[in-house]
């Protein structure tokens, strides 16, 4: 699904989403982690599965997962 007419604030340390973007409808919640990947020249953010967060020891909200 493509989303149009949203404003994103892209910074070197974060991305701030438009207030109208309903992340609940996307199935996202606080503590979700994403990684940047490049596939065939297309950069994207991929959501980490909880098991990947745990096994790789990613820090979530300042606490180890």
PDB file of N, CA and C in Angstrom:
ATOM      1  N   UNK A   1       0.849  -1.159   0.000  1.00  0.00           N
ATOM      2  CA  UNK A   1       0.000   0.000   0.000  1.00  0.00           C
ATOM      3  C   UNK A   1       0.904   1.234   0.000  1.00  0.00           C
ATOM      4  N   UNK A   2       0.615   2.175  -0.864  1.00  0.00           N
ATOM      5  CA  UNK A   2       1.371   3.422  -0.903  1.00  0.00           C
ATOM      6  C   UNK A   2       0.617   4.482  -0.116  1.00  0.00           C
ATOM      7  N   UNK A   3       1.378   5.293   0.594  1.00  0.00           N
ATOM      8  CA  UNK A   3       0.795   6.370   1.386  1.00  0.00           C
ATOM      9  C   UNK A   3       1.251   7.697   0.798  1.00  0.00           C
ATOM     10  N   UNK A   4       0.308   8.543   0.454  1.00  0.00           N
ATOM     11  CA  UNK A   4       0.610   9.840  -0.142  1.00  0.00           C
ATOM     12  C   UNK A   4       0.227  10.958   0.821  1.00  0.00           C
ATOM     13  N   UNK A   5       0.818  12.108   0.616  1.00  0.00           N
ATOM     14  CA  UNK A   5       0.499  13.324   1.373  1.00  0.00           C
ATOM     15  C   UNK A   5       0.881  13.258   2.844  1.00  0.00           C
ATOM     16  N   UNK A   6       1.861  12.429   3.188  1.00  0.00           N
ATOM     17  CA  UNK A   6       2.388  12.422   4.544  1.00  0.00           C
ATOM     18  C   UNK A   6       3.703  13.191   4.541  1.00  0.00           C
ATOM     19  N   UNK A   7       3.957  13.899   5.626  1.00  0.00           N
ATOM     20  CA  UNK A   7       5.221  14.601   5.782  1.00  0.00           C
ATOM     21  C   UNK A   7       6.089  13.817   6.753  1.00  0.00           C
ATOM     22  N   UNK A   8       7.342  13.596   6.383  1.00  0.00           N
ATOM     23  CA  UNK A   8       8.292  12.876   7.206  1.00  0.00           C
ATOM     24  C   UNK A   8       9.453  13.809   7.501  1.00  0.00           C
ATOM     25  N   UNK A   9       9.899  13.844   8.718  1.00  0.00           N
ATOM     26  CA  UNK A   9      11.065  14.634   9.081  1.00  0.00           C
ATOM     27  C   UNK A   9      12.244  13.662   9.155  1.00  0.00           C
ATOM     28  N   UNK A  10      13.113  13.696   8.147  1.00  0.00           N
ATOM     29  CA  UNK A  10      14.257  12.796   8.086  1.00  0.00           C
ATOM     30  C   UNK A  10      15.472  13.501   8.669  1.00  0.00           C
ATOM     31  N   UNK A  11      16.060  12.905   9.686  1.00  0.00           N
ATOM     32  CA  UNK A  11      17.235  13.462  10.352  1.00  0.00           C
ATOM     33  C   UNK A  11      18.321  12.394  10.374  1.00  0.00           C
ATOM     34  N   UNK A  12      19.521  12.791  10.721  1.00  0.00           N
ATOM     35  CA  UNK A  12      20.604  11.808  10.751  1.00  0.00           C
ATOM     36  C   UNK A  12      20.468  10.814  11.900  1.00  0.00           C
ATOM     37  N   UNK A  13      19.663  11.137  12.922  1.00  0.00           N
ATOM     38  CA  UNK A  13      19.513  10.236  14.061  1.00  0.00           C
ATOM     39  C   UNK A  13      18.108   9.653  14.220  1.00  0.00           C
ATOM     40  N   UNK A  14      17.166  10.088  13.385  1.00  0.00           N
ATOM     41  CA  UNK A  14      15.807   9.555  13.513  1.00  0.00           C
ATOM     42  C   UNK A  14      14.946   9.953  12.315  1.00  0.00           C
ATOM     43  N   UNK A  15      13.793   9.318  12.228  1.00  0.00           N
ATOM     44  CA  UNK A  15      12.754   9.680  11.268  1.00  0.00           C
ATOM     45  C   UNK A  15      11.507   9.966  12.083  1.00  0.00           C
ATOM     46  N   UNK A  16      10.945  11.151  11.919  1.00  0.00           N
ATOM     47  CA  UNK A  16       9.716  11.507  12.635  1.00  0.00           C
ATOM     48  C   UNK A  16       8.563  11.392  11.652  1.00  0.00           C
ATOM     49  N   UNK A  17       7.595  10.539  11.996  1.00  0.00           N
ATOM     50  CA  UNK A  17       6.462  10.286  11.113  1.00  0.00           C
ATOM     51  C   UNK A  17       5.415  11.380  11.217  1.00  0.00           C
ATOM     52  N   UNK A  18       4.629  11.514  10.183  1.00  0.00           N
ATOM     53  CA  UNK A  18       3.491  12.422  10.166  1.00  0.00           C
ATOM     54  C   UNK A  18       2.514  11.980  11.256  1.00  0.00           C
ATOM     55  N   UNK A  19       1.923  12.943  11.938  1.00  0.00           N
ATOM     56  CA  UNK A  19       0.964  12.623  13.014  1.00  0.00           C
ATOM     57  C   UNK A  19      -0.235  11.831  12.506  1.00  0.00           C
ATOM     58  N   UNK A  20      -0.573  11.988  11.236  1.00  0.00           N
ATOM     59  CA  UNK A  20      -1.735  11.295  10.680  1.00  0.00           C
ATOM     60  C   UNK A  20      -1.452   9.841  10.294  1.00  0.00           C
ATOM     61  N   UNK A  21      -0.187   9.436  10.295  1.00  0.00           N
ATOM     62  CA  UNK A  21       0.143   8.061   9.942  1.00  0.00           C
ATOM     63  C   UNK A  21      -0.226   7.141  11.099  1.00  0.00           C
ATOM     64  N   UNK A  22      -1.121   6.218  10.849  1.00  0.00           N
ATOM     65  CA  UNK A  22      -1.617   5.304  11.882  1.00  0.00           C
ATOM     66  C   UNK A  22      -0.727   4.065  11.922  1.00  0.00           C
ATOM     67  N   UNK A  23       0.292   4.090  12.809  1.00  0.00           N
ATOM     68  CA  UNK A  23       1.202   2.954  12.866  1.00  0.00           C
ATOM     69  C   UNK A  23       0.522   1.709  13.435  1.00  0.00           C
ATOM     70  N   UNK A  24      -0.542   1.872  14.206  1.00  0.00           N
ATOM     71  CA  UNK A  24      -1.288   0.721  14.712  1.00  0.00           C
ATOM     72  C   UNK A  24      -1.881  -0.079  13.559  1.00  0.00           C
ATOM     73  N   UNK A  25      -2.340   0.613  12.522  1.00  0.00           N
ATOM     74  CA  UNK A  25      -2.915  -0.063  11.357  1.00  0.00           C
ATOM     75  C   UNK A  25      -1.857  -0.873  10.612  1.00  0.00           C
ATOM     76  N   UNK A  26      -0.584  -0.492  10.778  1.00  0.00           N
ATOM     77  CA  UNK A  26       0.510  -1.227  10.154  1.00  0.00           C
ATOM     78  C   UNK A  26       0.978  -2.400  11.011  1.00  0.00           C
ATOM     79  N   UNK A  27       0.454  -2.480  12.223  1.00  0.00           N
ATOM     80  CA  UNK A  27       0.863  -3.542  13.136  1.00  0.00           C
ATOM     81  C   UNK A  27       2.137  -3.221  13.888  1.00  0.00           C
ATOM     82  N   UNK A  28       2.555  -1.946  13.882  1.00  0.00           N
ATOM     83  CA  UNK A  28       3.751  -1.526  14.611  1.00  0.00           C
ATOM     84  C   UNK A  28       3.365  -1.134  16.028  1.00  0.00           C
ATOM     85  N   UNK A  29       4.335  -1.290  16.942  1.00  0.00           N
ATOM     86  CA  UNK A  29       4.107  -0.865  18.328  1.00  0.00           C
ATOM     87  C   UNK A  29       5.426  -0.389  18.915  1.00  0.00           C
ATOM     88  N   UNK A  30       5.356   0.297  20.046  1.00  0.00           N
ATOM     89  CA  UNK A  30       6.552   0.766  20.710  1.00  0.00           C
ATOM     90  C   UNK A  30       7.496  -0.386  20.999  1.00  0.00           C
ATOM     91  N   UNK A  31       8.773  -0.176  20.758  1.00  0.00           N
ATOM     92  CA  UNK A  31       9.765  -1.222  20.980  1.00  0.00           C
ATOM     93  C   UNK A  31      10.116  -2.010  19.736  1.00  0.00           C
ATOM     94  N   UNK A  32       9.329  -1.863  18.655  1.00  0.00           N
ATOM     95  CA  UNK A  32       9.675  -2.535  17.400  1.00  0.00           C
ATOM     96  C   UNK A  32      11.009  -2.013  16.897  1.00  0.00           C
ATOM     97  N   UNK A  33      11.792  -2.888  16.303  1.00  0.00           N
ATOM     98  CA  UNK A  33      13.095  -2.510  15.743  1.00  0.00           C
ATOM     99  C   UNK A  33      13.103  -2.784  14.246  1.00  0.00           C
ATOM    100  N   UNK A  34      13.810  -1.937  13.535  1.00  0.00           N
ATOM    101  CA  UNK A  34      13.932  -2.062  12.088  1.00  0.00           C
ATOM    102  C   UNK A  34      15.403  -2.007  11.720  1.00  0.00           C
ATOM    103  N   UNK A  35      15.754  -2.643  10.602  1.00  0.00           N
ATOM    104  CA  UNK A  35      17.115  -2.550  10.098  1.00  0.00           C
ATOM    105  C   UNK A  35      17.063  -2.037   8.664  1.00  0.00           C
ATOM    106  N   UNK A  36      18.118  -1.313   8.295  1.00  0.00           N
ATOM    107  CA  UNK A  36      18.224  -0.796   6.929  1.00  0.00           C
ATOM    108  C   UNK A  36      18.916  -1.846   6.079  1.00  0.00           C
ATOM    109  N   UNK A  37      18.310  -2.154   4.952  1.00  0.00           N
ATOM    110  CA  UNK A  37      18.914  -3.085   3.997  1.00  0.00           C
ATOM    111  C   UNK A  37      18.889  -2.455   2.619  1.00  0.00           C
ATOM    112  N   UNK A  38      19.739  -2.935   1.749  1.00  0.00           N
ATOM    113  CA  UNK A  38      19.781  -2.468   0.376  1.00  0.00           C
ATOM    114  C   UNK A  38      19.630  -3.689  -0.515  1.00  0.00           C
ATOM    115  N   UNK A  39      18.528  -3.749  -1.216  1.00  0.00           N
ATOM    116  CA  UNK A  39      18.254  -4.874  -2.120  1.00  0.00           C
ATOM    117  C   UNK A  39      18.169  -4.361  -3.543  1.00  0.00           C
ATOM    118  N   UNK A  40      19.128  -4.780  -4.333  1.00  0.00           N
ATOM    119  CA  UNK A  40      19.169  -4.384  -5.747  1.00  0.00           C
ATOM    120  C   UNK A  40      19.100  -2.870  -5.916  1.00  0.00           C
ATOM    121  N   UNK A  41      19.840  -2.148  -5.069  1.00  0.00           N
ATOM    122  CA  UNK A  41      19.885  -0.696  -5.172  1.00  0.00           C
ATOM    123  C   UNK A  41      18.715   0.031  -4.536  1.00  0.00           C
ATOM    124  N   UNK A  42      17.782  -0.693  -3.921  1.00  0.00           N
ATOM    125  CA  UNK A  42      16.621  -0.092  -3.267  1.00  0.00           C
ATOM    126  C   UNK A  42      16.788  -0.188  -1.761  1.00  0.00           C
ATOM    127  N   UNK A  43      16.959   0.960  -1.088  1.00  0.00           N
ATOM    128  CA  UNK A  43      17.089   0.972   0.373  1.00  0.00           C
ATOM    129  C   UNK A  43      15.711   0.844   1.001  1.00  0.00           C
ATOM    130  N   UNK A  44      15.647   0.083   2.091  1.00  0.00           N
ATOM    131  CA  UNK A  44      14.371  -0.083   2.803  1.00  0.00           C
ATOM    132  C   UNK A  44      14.628  -0.396   4.261  1.00  0.00           C
ATOM    133  N   UNK A  45      13.613  -0.153   5.074  1.00  0.00           N
ATOM    134  CA  UNK A  45      13.634  -0.542   6.477  1.00  0.00           C
ATOM    135  C   UNK A  45      12.845  -1.837   6.612  1.00  0.00           C
ATOM    136  N   UNK A  46      13.452  -2.846   7.217  1.00  0.00           N
ATOM    137  CA  UNK A  46      12.773  -4.110   7.459  1.00  0.00           C
ATOM    138  C   UNK A  46      12.575  -4.289   8.959  1.00  0.00           C
ATOM    139  N   UNK A  47      11.371  -4.668   9.331  1.00  0.00           N
ATOM    140  CA  UNK A  47      11.068  -4.879  10.743  1.00  0.00           C
ATOM    141  C   UNK A  47      11.745  -6.166  11.209  1.00  0.00           C
ATOM    142  N   UNK A  48      12.437  -6.087  12.350  1.00  0.00           N
ATOM    143  CA  UNK A  48      13.060  -7.271  12.929  1.00  0.00           C
ATOM    144  C   UNK A  48      12.011  -8.093  13.656  1.00  0.00           C
ATOM    145  N   UNK A  49      12.068  -9.381  13.472  1.00  0.00           N
ATOM    146  CA  UNK A  49      11.201 -10.265  14.244  1.00  0.00           C
ATOM    147  C   UNK A  49      11.722 -10.307  15.680  1.00  0.00           C
ATOM    148  N   UNK A  50      10.855 -10.554  16.630  1.00  0.00           N
ATOM    149  CA  UNK A  50      11.243 -10.553  18.049  1.00  0.00           C
ATOM    150  C   UNK A  50      12.383 -11.530  18.308  1.00  0.00           C
ATOM    151  N   UNK A  51      12.366 -12.683  17.657  1.00  0.00           N
ATOM    152  CA  UNK A  51      13.432 -13.666  17.884  1.00  0.00           C
ATOM    153  C   UNK A  51      14.777 -13.144  17.389  1.00  0.00           C
ATOM    154  N   UNK A  52      14.796 -12.385  16.291  1.00  0.00           N
ATOM    155  CA  UNK A  52      16.046 -11.809  15.793  1.00  0.00           C
ATOM    156  C   UNK A  52      16.557 -10.738  16.755  1.00  0.00           C
ATOM    157  N   UNK A  53      15.639  -9.932  17.293  1.00  0.00           N
ATOM    158  CA  UNK A  53      16.039  -8.931  18.286  1.00  0.00           C
ATOM    159  C   UNK A  53      16.690  -9.611  19.480  1.00  0.00           C
ATOM    160  N   UNK A  54      16.088 -10.692  19.939  1.00  0.00           N
ATOM    161  CA  UNK A  54      16.569 -11.397  21.122  1.00  0.00           C
ATOM    162  C   UNK A  54      17.913 -12.084  20.864  1.00  0.00           C
ATOM    163  N   UNK A  55      18.001 -12.854  19.782  1.00  0.00           N
ATOM    164  CA  UNK A  55      19.212 -13.631  19.530  1.00  0.00           C
ATOM    165  C   UNK A  55      20.416 -12.752  19.216  1.00  0.00           C
ATOM    166  N   UNK A  56      20.186 -11.599  18.602  1.00  0.00           N
ATOM    167  CA  UNK A  56      21.293 -10.704  18.272  1.00  0.00           C
ATOM    168  C   UNK A  56      21.543  -9.677  19.369  1.00  0.00           C
ATOM    169  N   UNK A  57      20.714  -9.677  20.435  1.00  0.00           N
ATOM    170  CA  UNK A  57      20.929  -8.805  21.578  1.00  0.00           C
ATOM    171  C   UNK A  57      20.715  -7.329  21.289  1.00  0.00           C
ATOM    172  N   UNK A  58      19.787  -7.009  20.383  1.00  0.00           N
ATOM    173  CA  UNK A  58      19.510  -5.610  20.071  1.00  0.00           C
ATOM    174  C   UNK A  58      18.921  -4.895  21.283  1.00  0.00           C
ATOM    175  N   UNK A  59      19.294  -3.650  21.467  1.00  0.00           N
ATOM    176  CA  UNK A  59      18.784  -2.848  22.572  1.00  0.00           C
ATOM    177  C   UNK A  59      17.464  -2.218  22.145  1.00  0.00           C
ATOM    178  N   UNK A  60      16.430  -2.371  22.961  1.00  0.00           N
ATOM    179  CA  UNK A  60      15.102  -1.835  22.687  1.00  0.00           C
ATOM    180  C   UNK A  60      14.749  -0.861  23.799  1.00  0.00           C
ATOM    181  N   UNK A  61      14.498   0.392  23.432  1.00  0.00           N
ATOM    182  CA  UNK A  61      14.135   1.418  24.417  1.00  0.00           C
ATOM    183  C   UNK A  61      15.132   1.483  25.566  1.00  0.00           C
ATOM    184  N   UNK A  62      16.420   1.369  25.236  1.00  0.00           N
ATOM    185  CA  UNK A  62      17.455   1.492  26.249  1.00  0.00           C
ATOM    186  C   UNK A  62      17.717   0.242  27.050  1.00  0.00           C
ATOM    187  N   UNK A  63      16.956  -0.823  26.811  1.00  0.00           N
ATOM    188  CA  UNK A  63      17.120  -2.066  27.537  1.00  0.00           C
ATOM    189  C   UNK A  63      17.423  -3.202  26.558  1.00  0.00           C
ATOM    190  N   UNK A  64      18.324  -4.130  26.908  1.00  0.00           N
ATOM    191  CA  UNK A  64      18.547  -5.277  26.018  1.00  0.00           C
ATOM    192  C   UNK A  64      17.252  -6.064  25.840  1.00  0.00           C
ATOM    193  N   UNK A  65      17.059  -6.582  24.628  1.00  0.00           N
ATOM    194  CA  UNK A  65      15.813  -7.338  24.360  1.00  0.00           C
ATOM    195  C   UNK A  65      15.871  -8.702  24.978  1.00  0.00           C
TER     196      UNK A  65
END
